[in-house]
Amino acid sequence: MADWKRLNWQYNFSPLLGVLQSLSVQEMAHLAESLLGIESLKERVTSPSESVGGPIDVAAITKDEGLVWIRRKHYFDAAMNMRYVSRLRKSFD
């Protein structure tokens, strides 16, 4: 069993780790979103275990920038919440 684990680590995990270490933050966020999307699709096609589903929010957390939203869903229609949109525009001016 120990030999199998060592070989598995050598042939599968080590190359994957090398690839992951070379990805940028943006690419890593895209990879995470893609993996969650695939898992969500698998849940819809197979027996659901209620582990993943619905729209996905993606954020990156780095030492330099802290939390940065890469993709975030909106919970409401902006056209129906003009006061909120107006407040956002004023904060950017």
PDB file of N, CA and C in Angstrom:
ATOM      1  N   MET A   1       0.830  -1.196   0.000  1.00  0.00           N
ATOM      2  CA  MET A   1       0.000   0.000   0.000  1.00  0.00           C
ATOM      3  C   MET A   1       0.870   1.254   0.000  1.00  0.00           C
ATOM      4  N   ALA A   2       1.946   1.231   0.756  1.00  0.00           N
ATOM      5  CA  ALA A   2       2.831   2.387   0.812  1.00  0.00           C
ATOM      6  C   ALA A   2       3.476   2.649  -0.542  1.00  0.00           C
ATOM      7  N   ASP A   3       3.869   1.582  -1.250  1.00  0.00           N
ATOM      8  CA  ASP A   3       4.442   1.748  -2.588  1.00  0.00           C
ATOM      9  C   ASP A   3       3.413   2.330  -3.551  1.00  0.00           C
ATOM     10  N   TRP A   4       2.190   1.857  -3.463  1.00  0.00           N
ATOM     11  CA  TRP A   4       1.130   2.367  -4.323  1.00  0.00           C
ATOM     12  C   TRP A   4       0.896   3.853  -4.070  1.00  0.00           C
ATOM     13  N   LYS A   5       0.850   4.249  -2.799  1.00  0.00           N
ATOM     14  CA  LYS A   5       0.654   5.659  -2.457  1.00  0.00           C
ATOM     15  C   LYS A   5       1.790   6.519  -2.999  1.00  0.00           C
ATOM     16  N   ARG A   6       3.026   6.038  -2.862  1.00  0.00           N
ATOM     17  CA  ARG A   6       4.188   6.782  -3.338  1.00  0.00           C
ATOM     18  C   ARG A   6       4.137   6.959  -4.853  1.00  0.00           C
ATOM     19  N   LEU A   7       3.814   5.871  -5.573  1.00  0.00           N
ATOM     20  CA  LEU A   7       3.713   5.951  -7.023  1.00  0.00           C
ATOM     21  C   LEU A   7       2.561   6.854  -7.470  1.00  0.00           C
ATOM     22  N   ASN A   8       1.447   6.741  -6.788  1.00  0.00           N
ATOM     23  CA  ASN A   8       0.295   7.587  -7.092  1.00  0.00           C
ATOM     24  C   ASN A   8       0.657   9.059  -6.902  1.00  0.00           C
ATOM     25  N   TRP A   9       1.325   9.373  -5.820  1.00  0.00           N
ATOM     26  CA  TRP A   9       1.768  10.749  -5.541  1.00  0.00           C
ATOM     27  C   TRP A   9       2.723  11.220  -6.637  1.00  0.00           C
ATOM     28  N   GLN A  10       3.649  10.367  -7.000  1.00  0.00           N
ATOM     29  CA  GLN A  10       4.674  10.723  -7.984  1.00  0.00           C
ATOM     30  C   GLN A  10       4.068  10.967  -9.375  1.00  0.00           C
ATOM     31  N   TYR A  11       3.161  10.113  -9.810  1.00  0.00           N
ATOM     32  CA  TYR A  11       2.642  10.197 -11.169  1.00  0.00           C
ATOM     33  C   TYR A  11       1.408  11.073 -11.321  1.00  0.00           C
ATOM     34  N   ASN A  12       0.685  11.329 -10.255  1.00  0.00           N
ATOM     35  CA  ASN A  12      -0.554  12.105 -10.361  1.00  0.00           C
ATOM     36  C   ASN A  12      -0.481  13.450  -9.651  1.00  0.00           C
ATOM     37  N   PHE A  13      -0.158  13.430  -8.374  1.00  0.00           N
ATOM     38  CA  PHE A  13      -0.236  14.660  -7.590  1.00  0.00           C
ATOM     39  C   PHE A  13       0.914  15.618  -7.889  1.00  0.00           C
ATOM     40  N   SER A  14       2.122  15.126  -7.991  1.00  0.00           N
ATOM     41  CA  SER A  14       3.267  16.011  -8.228  1.00  0.00           C
ATOM     42  C   SER A  14       3.141  16.813  -9.522  1.00  0.00           C
ATOM     43  N   PRO A  15       2.791  16.187 -10.674  1.00  0.00           N
ATOM     44  CA  PRO A  15       2.606  16.991 -11.893  1.00  0.00           C
ATOM     45  C   PRO A  15       1.469  18.009 -11.767  1.00  0.00           C
ATOM     46  N   LEU A  16       0.379  17.608 -11.124  1.00  0.00           N
ATOM     47  CA  LEU A  16      -0.745  18.518 -10.940  1.00  0.00           C
ATOM     48  C   LEU A  16      -0.328  19.710 -10.087  1.00  0.00           C
ATOM     49  N   LEU A  17       0.407  19.458  -9.032  1.00  0.00           N
ATOM     50  CA  LEU A  17       0.876  20.533  -8.163  1.00  0.00           C
ATOM     51  C   LEU A  17       1.769  21.501  -8.935  1.00  0.00           C
ATOM     52  N   GLY A  18       2.609  20.974  -9.805  1.00  0.00           N
ATOM     53  CA  GLY A  18       3.460  21.829 -10.625  1.00  0.00           C
ATOM     54  C   GLY A  18       2.661  22.761 -11.519  1.00  0.00           C
ATOM     55  N   VAL A  19       1.599  22.231 -12.121  1.00  0.00           N
ATOM     56  CA  VAL A  19       0.736  23.045 -12.979  1.00  0.00           C
ATOM     57  C   VAL A  19       0.012  24.101 -12.157  1.00  0.00           C
ATOM     58  N   LEU A  20      -0.542  23.702 -11.020  1.00  0.00           N
ATOM     59  CA  LEU A  20      -1.293  24.643 -10.181  1.00  0.00           C
ATOM     60  C   LEU A  20      -0.413  25.786  -9.676  1.00  0.00           C
ATOM     61  N   GLN A  21       0.831  25.504  -9.358  1.00  0.00           N
ATOM     62  CA  GLN A  21       1.732  26.536  -8.864  1.00  0.00           C
ATOM     63  C   GLN A  21       2.076  27.561  -9.934  1.00  0.00           C
ATOM     64  N   SER A  22       1.922  27.192 -11.198  1.00  0.00           N
ATOM     65  CA  SER A  22       2.263  28.114 -12.276  1.00  0.00           C
ATOM     66  C   SER A  22       1.082  28.983 -12.715  1.00  0.00           C
ATOM     67  N   LEU A  23      -0.121  28.726 -12.184  1.00  0.00           N
ATOM     68  CA  LEU A  23      -1.300  29.495 -12.583  1.00  0.00           C
ATOM     69  C   LEU A  23      -1.341  30.853 -11.887  1.00  0.00           C
ATOM     70  N   SER A  24      -1.862  31.852 -12.604  1.00  0.00           N
ATOM     71  CA  SER A  24      -2.082  33.171 -12.001  1.00  0.00           C
ATOM     72  C   SER A  24      -3.328  33.107 -11.117  1.00  0.00           C
ATOM     73  N   VAL A  25      -3.556  34.144 -10.344  1.00  0.00           N
ATOM     74  CA  VAL A  25      -4.737  34.200  -9.474  1.00  0.00           C
ATOM     75  C   VAL A  25      -6.005  34.142 -10.321  1.00  0.00           C
ATOM     76  N   GLN A  26      -6.021  34.871 -11.439  1.00  0.00           N
ATOM     77  CA  GLN A  26      -7.188  34.881 -12.319  1.00  0.00           C
ATOM     78  C   GLN A  26      -7.447  33.488 -12.902  1.00  0.00           C
ATOM     79  N   GLU A  27      -6.394  32.804 -13.322  1.00  0.00           N
ATOM     80  CA  GLU A  27      -6.546  31.455 -13.870  1.00  0.00           C
ATOM     81  C   GLU A  27      -6.997  30.474 -12.793  1.00  0.00           C
ATOM     82  N   MET A  28      -6.487  30.629 -11.589  1.00  0.00           N
ATOM     83  CA  MET A  28      -6.882  29.759 -10.488  1.00  0.00           C
ATOM     84  C   MET A  28      -8.364  29.960 -10.147  1.00  0.00           C
ATOM     85  N   ALA A  29      -8.824  31.207 -10.175  1.00  0.00           N
ATOM     86  CA  ALA A  29     -10.240  31.487  -9.921  1.00  0.00           C
ATOM     87  C   ALA A  29     -11.110  30.862 -11.003  1.00  0.00           C
ATOM     88  N   HIS A  30     -10.677  30.954 -12.254  1.00  0.00           N
ATOM     89  CA  HIS A  30     -11.424  30.347 -13.360  1.00  0.00           C
ATOM     90  C   HIS A  30     -11.461  28.827 -13.210  1.00  0.00           C
ATOM     91  N   LEU A  31     -10.341  28.231 -12.811  1.00  0.00           N
ATOM     92  CA  LEU A  31     -10.291  26.778 -12.587  1.00  0.00           C
ATOM     93  C   LEU A  31     -11.262  26.375 -11.479  1.00  0.00           C
ATOM     94  N   ALA A  32     -11.263  27.105 -10.377  1.00  0.00           N
ATOM     95  CA  ALA A  32     -12.166  26.785  -9.262  1.00  0.00           C
ATOM     96  C   ALA A  32     -13.627  26.882  -9.698  1.00  0.00           C
ATOM     97  N   GLU A  33     -13.968  27.938 -10.442  1.00  0.00           N
ATOM     98  CA  GLU A  33     -15.341  28.101 -10.924  1.00  0.00           C
ATOM     99  C   GLU A  33     -15.718  26.963 -11.869  1.00  0.00           C
ATOM    100  N   SER A  34     -14.805  26.578 -12.741  1.00  0.00           N
ATOM    101  CA  SER A  34     -15.065  25.488 -13.678  1.00  0.00           C
ATOM    102  C   SER A  34     -15.282  24.166 -12.953  1.00  0.00           C
ATOM    103  N   LEU A  35     -14.443  23.877 -11.960  1.00  0.00           N
ATOM    104  CA  LEU A  35     -14.594  22.630 -11.203  1.00  0.00           C
ATOM    105  C   LEU A  35     -15.919  22.585 -10.459  1.00  0.00           C
ATOM    106  N   LEU A  36     -16.334  23.715  -9.887  1.00  0.00           N
ATOM    107  CA  LEU A  36     -17.629  23.752  -9.204  1.00  0.00           C
ATOM    108  C   LEU A  36     -18.780  23.592 -10.184  1.00  0.00           C
ATOM    109  N   GLY A  37     -18.640  24.181 -11.372  1.00  0.00           N
ATOM    110  CA  GLY A  37     -19.670  24.021 -12.403  1.00  0.00           C
ATOM    111  C   GLY A  37     -19.805  22.575 -12.841  1.00  0.00           C
ATOM    112  N   ILE A  38     -18.674  21.897 -13.010  1.00  0.00           N
ATOM    113  CA  ILE A  38     -18.699  20.480 -13.387  1.00  0.00           C
ATOM    114  C   ILE A  38     -19.343  19.644 -12.285  1.00  0.00           C
ATOM    115  N   GLU A  39     -18.999  19.930 -11.042  1.00  0.00           N
ATOM    116  CA  GLU A  39     -19.589  19.200  -9.918  1.00  0.00           C
ATOM    117  C   GLU A  39     -21.091  19.450  -9.841  1.00  0.00           C
ATOM    118  N   SER A  40     -21.512  20.684 -10.093  1.00  0.00           N
ATOM    119  CA  SER A  40     -22.934  21.008 -10.083  1.00  0.00           C
ATOM    120  C   SER A  40     -23.674  20.248 -11.182  1.00  0.00           C
ATOM    121  N   LEU A  41     -23.073  20.159 -12.369  1.00  0.00           N
ATOM    122  CA  LEU A  41     -23.671  19.397 -13.457  1.00  0.00           C
ATOM    123  C   LEU A  41     -23.768  17.919 -13.102  1.00  0.00           C
ATOM    124  N   LYS A  42     -22.720  17.381 -12.496  1.00  0.00           N
ATOM    125  CA  LYS A  42     -22.735  15.972 -12.072  1.00  0.00           C
ATOM    126  C   LYS A  42     -23.869  15.728 -11.071  1.00  0.00           C
ATOM    127  N   GLU A  43     -24.090  16.680 -10.180  1.00  0.00           N
ATOM    128  CA  GLU A  43     -25.159  16.545  -9.184  1.00  0.00           C
ATOM    129  C   GLU A  43     -26.540  16.498  -9.851  1.00  0.00           C
ATOM    130  N   ARG A  44     -26.710  17.258 -10.941  1.00  0.00           N
ATOM    131  CA  ARG A  44     -28.000  17.261 -11.633  1.00  0.00           C
ATOM    132  C   ARG A  44     -28.221  15.985 -12.428  1.00  0.00           C
ATOM    133  N   VAL A  45     -27.145  15.374 -12.918  1.00  0.00           N
ATOM    134  CA  VAL A  45     -27.253  14.192 -13.768  1.00  0.00           C
ATOM    135  C   VAL A  45     -27.324  12.908 -12.956  1.00  0.00           C
ATOM    136  N   THR A  46     -26.640  12.857 -11.825  1.00  0.00           N
ATOM    137  CA  THR A  46     -26.618  11.649 -10.999  1.00  0.00           C
ATOM    138  C   THR A  46     -27.522  11.846  -9.783  1.00  0.00           C
ATOM    139  N   SER A  47     -27.472  10.913  -8.875  1.00  0.00           N
ATOM    140  CA  SER A  47     -28.245  11.039  -7.638  1.00  0.00           C
ATOM    141  C   SER A  47     -27.723  12.234  -6.840  1.00  0.00           C
ATOM    142  N   PRO A  48     -28.571  13.217  -6.615  1.00  0.00           N
ATOM    143  CA  PRO A  48     -28.102  14.423  -5.924  1.00  0.00           C
ATOM    144  C   PRO A  48     -27.754  14.165  -4.464  1.00  0.00           C
ATOM    145  N   SER A  49     -26.673  14.788  -4.018  1.00  0.00           N
ATOM    146  CA  SER A  49     -26.297  14.704  -2.607  1.00  0.00           C
ATOM    147  C   SER A  49     -26.406  16.064  -1.940  1.00  0.00           C
ATOM    148  N   GLU A  50     -26.931  17.057  -2.684  1.00  0.00           N
ATOM    149  CA  GLU A  50     -27.138  18.410  -2.178  1.00  0.00           C
ATOM    150  C   GLU A  50     -25.849  19.037  -1.659  1.00  0.00           C
ATOM    151  N   SER A  51     -24.748  18.798  -2.375  1.00  0.00           N
ATOM    152  CA  SER A  51     -23.480  19.369  -1.931  1.00  0.00           C
ATOM    153  C   SER A  51     -23.115  20.641  -2.684  1.00  0.00           C
ATOM    154  N   VAL A  52     -23.544  20.751  -3.942  1.00  0.00           N
ATOM    155  CA  VAL A  52     -23.205  21.893  -4.780  1.00  0.00           C
ATOM    156  C   VAL A  52     -24.397  22.205  -5.663  1.00  0.00           C
ATOM    157  N   GLY A  53     -24.614  23.488  -5.928  1.00  0.00           N
ATOM    158  CA  GLY A  53     -25.677  23.846  -6.854  1.00  0.00           C
ATOM    159  C   GLY A  53     -25.944  25.325  -6.860  1.00  0.00           C
ATOM    160  N   GLY A  54     -26.629  25.753  -7.872  1.00  0.00           N
ATOM    161  CA  GLY A  54     -27.001  27.148  -7.996  1.00  0.00           C
ATOM    162  C   GLY A  54     -25.888  28.017  -8.529  1.00  0.00           C
ATOM    163  N   PRO A  55     -26.146  29.314  -8.602  1.00  0.00           N
ATOM    164  CA  PRO A  55     -25.128  30.248  -9.090  1.00  0.00           C
ATOM    165  C   PRO A  55     -23.888  30.233  -8.195  1.00  0.00           C
ATOM    166  N   ILE A  56     -22.744  30.530  -8.803  1.00  0.00           N
ATOM    167  CA  ILE A  56     -21.467  30.457  -8.088  1.00  0.00           C
ATOM    168  C   ILE A  56     -20.856  31.848  -7.962  1.00  0.00           C
ATOM    169  N   ASP A  57     -20.462  32.221  -6.759  1.00  0.00           N
ATOM    170  CA  ASP A  57     -19.675  33.425  -6.522  1.00  0.00           C
ATOM    171  C   ASP A  57     -18.216  33.022  -6.498  1.00  0.00           C
ATOM    172  N   VAL A  58     -17.346  33.840  -7.095  1.00  0.00           N
ATOM    173  CA  VAL A  58     -15.917  33.547  -7.110  1.00  0.00           C
ATOM    174  C   VAL A  58     -15.169  34.744  -6.550  1.00  0.00           C
ATOM    175  N   ALA A  59     -14.317  34.490  -5.567  1.00  0.00           N
ATOM    176  CA  ALA A  59     -13.488  35.538  -4.980  1.00  0.00           C
ATOM    177  C   ALA A  59     -12.069  35.007  -4.839  1.00  0.00           C
ATOM    178  N   ALA A  60     -11.114  35.902  -4.942  1.00  0.00           N
ATOM    179  CA  ALA A  60      -9.715  35.544  -4.728  1.00  0.00           C
ATOM    180  C   ALA A  60      -9.250  36.239  -3.464  1.00  0.00           C
ATOM    181  N   ILE A  61      -8.475  35.537  -2.667  1.00  0.00           N
ATOM    182  CA  ILE A  61      -7.914  36.111  -1.441  1.00  0.00           C
ATOM    183  C   ILE A  61      -6.400  36.018  -1.551  1.00  0.00           C
ATOM    184  N   THR A  62      -5.746  37.164  -1.559  1.00  0.00           N
ATOM    185  CA  THR A  62      -4.289  37.201  -1.641  1.00  0.00           C
ATOM    186  C   THR A  62      -3.738  38.011  -0.480  1.00  0.00           C
ATOM    187  N   LYS A  63      -2.461  37.846  -0.202  1.00  0.00           N
ATOM    188  CA  LYS A  63      -1.819  38.611   0.869  1.00  0.00           C
ATOM    189  C   LYS A  63      -1.826  40.100   0.564  1.00  0.00           C
ATOM    190  N   ASP A  64      -1.554  40.452  -0.686  1.00  0.00           N
ATOM    191  CA  ASP A  64      -1.435  41.865  -1.054  1.00  0.00           C
ATOM    192  C   ASP A  64      -2.769  42.582  -1.157  1.00  0.00           C
ATOM    193  N   GLU A  65      -3.766  41.935  -1.765  1.00  0.00           N
ATOM    194  CA  GLU A  65      -5.023  42.617  -2.063  1.00  0.00           C
ATOM    195  C   GLU A  65      -6.179  42.227  -1.153  1.00  0.00           C
ATOM    196  N   GLY A  66      -6.022  41.201  -0.359  1.00  0.00           N
ATOM    197  CA  GLY A  66      -7.131  40.728   0.463  1.00  0.00           C
ATOM    198  C   GLY A  66      -8.179  40.054  -0.404  1.00  0.00           C
ATOM    199  N   LEU A  67      -9.456  40.216  -0.049  1.00  0.00           N
ATOM    200  CA  LEU A  67     -10.543  39.591  -0.799  1.00  0.00           C
ATOM    201  C   LEU A  67     -10.911  40.470  -1.993  1.00  0.00           C
ATOM    202  N   VAL A  68     -10.919  39.862  -3.182  1.00  0.00           N
ATOM    203  CA  VAL A  68     -11.320  40.549  -4.411  1.00  0.00           C
ATOM    204  C   VAL A  68     -12.347  39.669  -5.112  1.00  0.00           C
ATOM    205  N   TRP A  69     -13.515  40.250  -5.416  1.00  0.00           N
ATOM    206  CA  TRP A  69     -14.546  39.496  -6.127  1.00  0.00           C
ATOM    207  C   TRP A  69     -14.144  39.359  -7.577  1.00  0.00           C
ATOM    208  N   ILE A  70     -14.128  38.135  -8.083  1.00  0.00           N
ATOM    209  CA  ILE A  70     -13.863  37.851  -9.485  1.00  0.00           C
ATOM    210  C   ILE A  70     -15.192  37.819 -10.236  1.00  0.00           C
ATOM    211  N   ARG A  71     -16.152  37.125  -9.686  1.00  0.00           N
ATOM    212  CA  ARG A  71     -17.501  37.092 -10.232  1.00  0.00           C
ATOM    213  C   ARG A  71     -18.466  36.979  -9.070  1.00  0.00           C
ATOM    214  N   ARG A  72     -19.477  37.832  -9.088  1.00  0.00           N
ATOM    215  CA  ARG A  72     -20.455  37.832  -7.997  1.00  0.00           C
ATOM    216  C   ARG A  72     -21.851  37.979  -8.590  1.00  0.00           C
ATOM    217  N   LYS A  73     -22.756  37.117  -8.163  1.00  0.00           N
ATOM    218  CA  LYS A  73     -24.122  37.189  -8.677  1.00  0.00           C
ATOM    219  C   LYS A  73     -24.862  38.338  -7.996  1.00  0.00           C
ATOM    220  N   HIS A  74     -25.851  38.847  -8.688  1.00  0.00           N
ATOM    221  CA  HIS A  74     -26.694  39.885  -8.115  1.00  0.00           C
ATOM    222  C   HIS A  74     -27.988  39.243  -7.643  1.00  0.00           C
ATOM    223  N   TYR A  75     -28.425  39.631  -6.482  1.00  0.00           N
ATOM    224  CA  TYR A  75     -29.604  39.018  -5.880  1.00  0.00           C
ATOM    225  C   TYR A  75     -30.897  39.741  -6.262  1.00  0.00           C
ATOM    226  N   PHE A  76     -30.756  40.829  -7.027  1.00  0.00           N
ATOM    227  CA  PHE A  76     -31.935  41.591  -7.388  1.00  0.00           C
ATOM    228  C   PHE A  76     -31.698  42.273  -8.727  1.00  0.00           C
ATOM    229  N   ASP A  77     -32.795  42.707  -9.342  1.00  0.00           N
ATOM    230  CA  ASP A  77     -32.734  43.421 -10.612  1.00  0.00           C
ATOM    231  C   ASP A  77     -32.351  44.876 -10.325  1.00  0.00           C
ATOM    232  N   ALA A  78     -31.250  45.340 -10.905  1.00  0.00           N
ATOM    233  CA  ALA A  78     -30.773  46.708 -10.660  1.00  0.00           C
ATOM    234  C   ALA A  78     -31.803  47.749 -11.098  1.00  0.00           C
ATOM    235  N   ALA A  79     -32.557  47.465 -12.163  1.00  0.00           N
ATOM    236  CA  ALA A  79     -33.565  48.414 -12.644  1.00  0.00           C
ATOM    237  C   ALA A  79     -34.668  48.637 -11.611  1.00  0.00           C
ATOM    238  N   MET A  80     -34.872  47.688 -10.739  1.00  0.00           N
ATOM    239  CA  MET A  80     -35.904  47.822  -9.710  1.00  0.00           C
ATOM    240  C   MET A  80     -35.342  48.396  -8.412  1.00  0.00           C
ATOM    241  N   ASN A  81     -34.050  48.668  -8.365  1.00  0.00           N
ATOM    242  CA  ASN A  81     -33.408  49.180  -7.159  1.00  0.00           C
ATOM    243  C   ASN A  81     -32.512  50.367  -7.517  1.00  0.00           C
ATOM    244  N   MET A  82     -33.127  51.390  -8.063  1.00  0.00           N
ATOM    245  CA  MET A  82     -32.375  52.537  -8.560  1.00  0.00           C
ATOM    246  C   MET A  82     -31.646  53.304  -7.446  1.00  0.00           C
ATOM    247  N   ARG A  83     -32.200  53.321  -6.242  1.00  0.00           N
ATOM    248  CA  ARG A  83     -31.521  54.013  -5.143  1.00  0.00           C
ATOM    249  C   ARG A  83     -30.179  53.359  -4.846  1.00  0.00           C
ATOM    250  N   TYR A  84     -30.142  52.049  -4.873  1.00  0.00           N
ATOM    251  CA  TYR A  84     -28.897  51.324  -4.633  1.00  0.00           C
ATOM    252  C   TYR A  84     -27.891  51.615  -5.742  1.00  0.00           C
ATOM    253  N   VAL A  85     -28.331  51.558  -6.994  1.00  0.00           N
ATOM    254  CA  VAL A  85     -27.450  51.836  -8.135  1.00  0.00           C
ATOM    255  C   VAL A  85     -26.925  53.255  -8.054  1.00  0.00           C
ATOM    256  N   SER A  86     -27.792  54.192  -7.696  1.00  0.00           N
ATOM    257  CA  SER A  86     -27.396  55.601  -7.556  1.00  0.00           C
ATOM    258  C   SER A  86     -26.341  55.761  -6.463  1.00  0.00           C
ATOM    259  N   ARG A  87     -26.519  55.067  -5.356  1.00  0.00           N
ATOM    260  CA  ARG A  87     -25.551  55.111  -4.256  1.00  0.00           C
ATOM    261  C   ARG A  87     -24.189  54.538  -4.695  1.00  0.00           C
ATOM    262  N   LEU A  88     -24.222  53.469  -5.488  1.00  0.00           N
ATOM    263  CA  LEU A  88     -22.979  52.900  -6.011  1.00  0.00           C
ATOM    264  C   LEU A  88     -22.254  53.887  -6.902  1.00  0.00           C
ATOM    265  N   ARG A  89     -23.005  54.541  -7.790  1.00  0.00           N
ATOM    266  CA  ARG A  89     -22.385  55.502  -8.704  1.00  0.00           C
ATOM    267  C   ARG A  89     -21.752  56.658  -7.940  1.00  0.00           C
ATOM    268  N   LYS A  90     -22.411  57.136  -6.898  1.00  0.00           N
ATOM    269  CA  LYS A  90     -21.844  58.233  -6.103  1.00  0.00           C
ATOM    270  C   LYS A  90     -20.566  57.800  -5.391  1.00  0.00           C
ATOM    271  N   SER A  91     -20.497  56.565  -4.973  1.00  0.00           N
ATOM    272  CA  SER A  91     -19.291  56.094  -4.268  1.00  0.00           C
ATOM    273  C   SER A  91     -18.090  55.974  -5.198  1.00  0.00           C
ATOM    274  N   PHE A  92     -18.341  55.822  -6.512  1.00  0.00           N
ATOM    275  CA  PHE A  92     -17.235  55.719  -7.468  1.00  0.00           C
ATOM    276  C   PHE A  92     -16.794  57.090  -7.980  1.00  0.00           C
ATOM    277  N   ASP A  93     -17.593  58.123  -7.769  1.00  0.00           N
ATOM    278  CA  ASP A  93     -17.237  59.477  -8.234  1.00  0.00           C
ATOM    279  C   ASP A  93     -16.260  60.165  -7.329  1.00  0.00           C
TER     280      ASP A  93
END
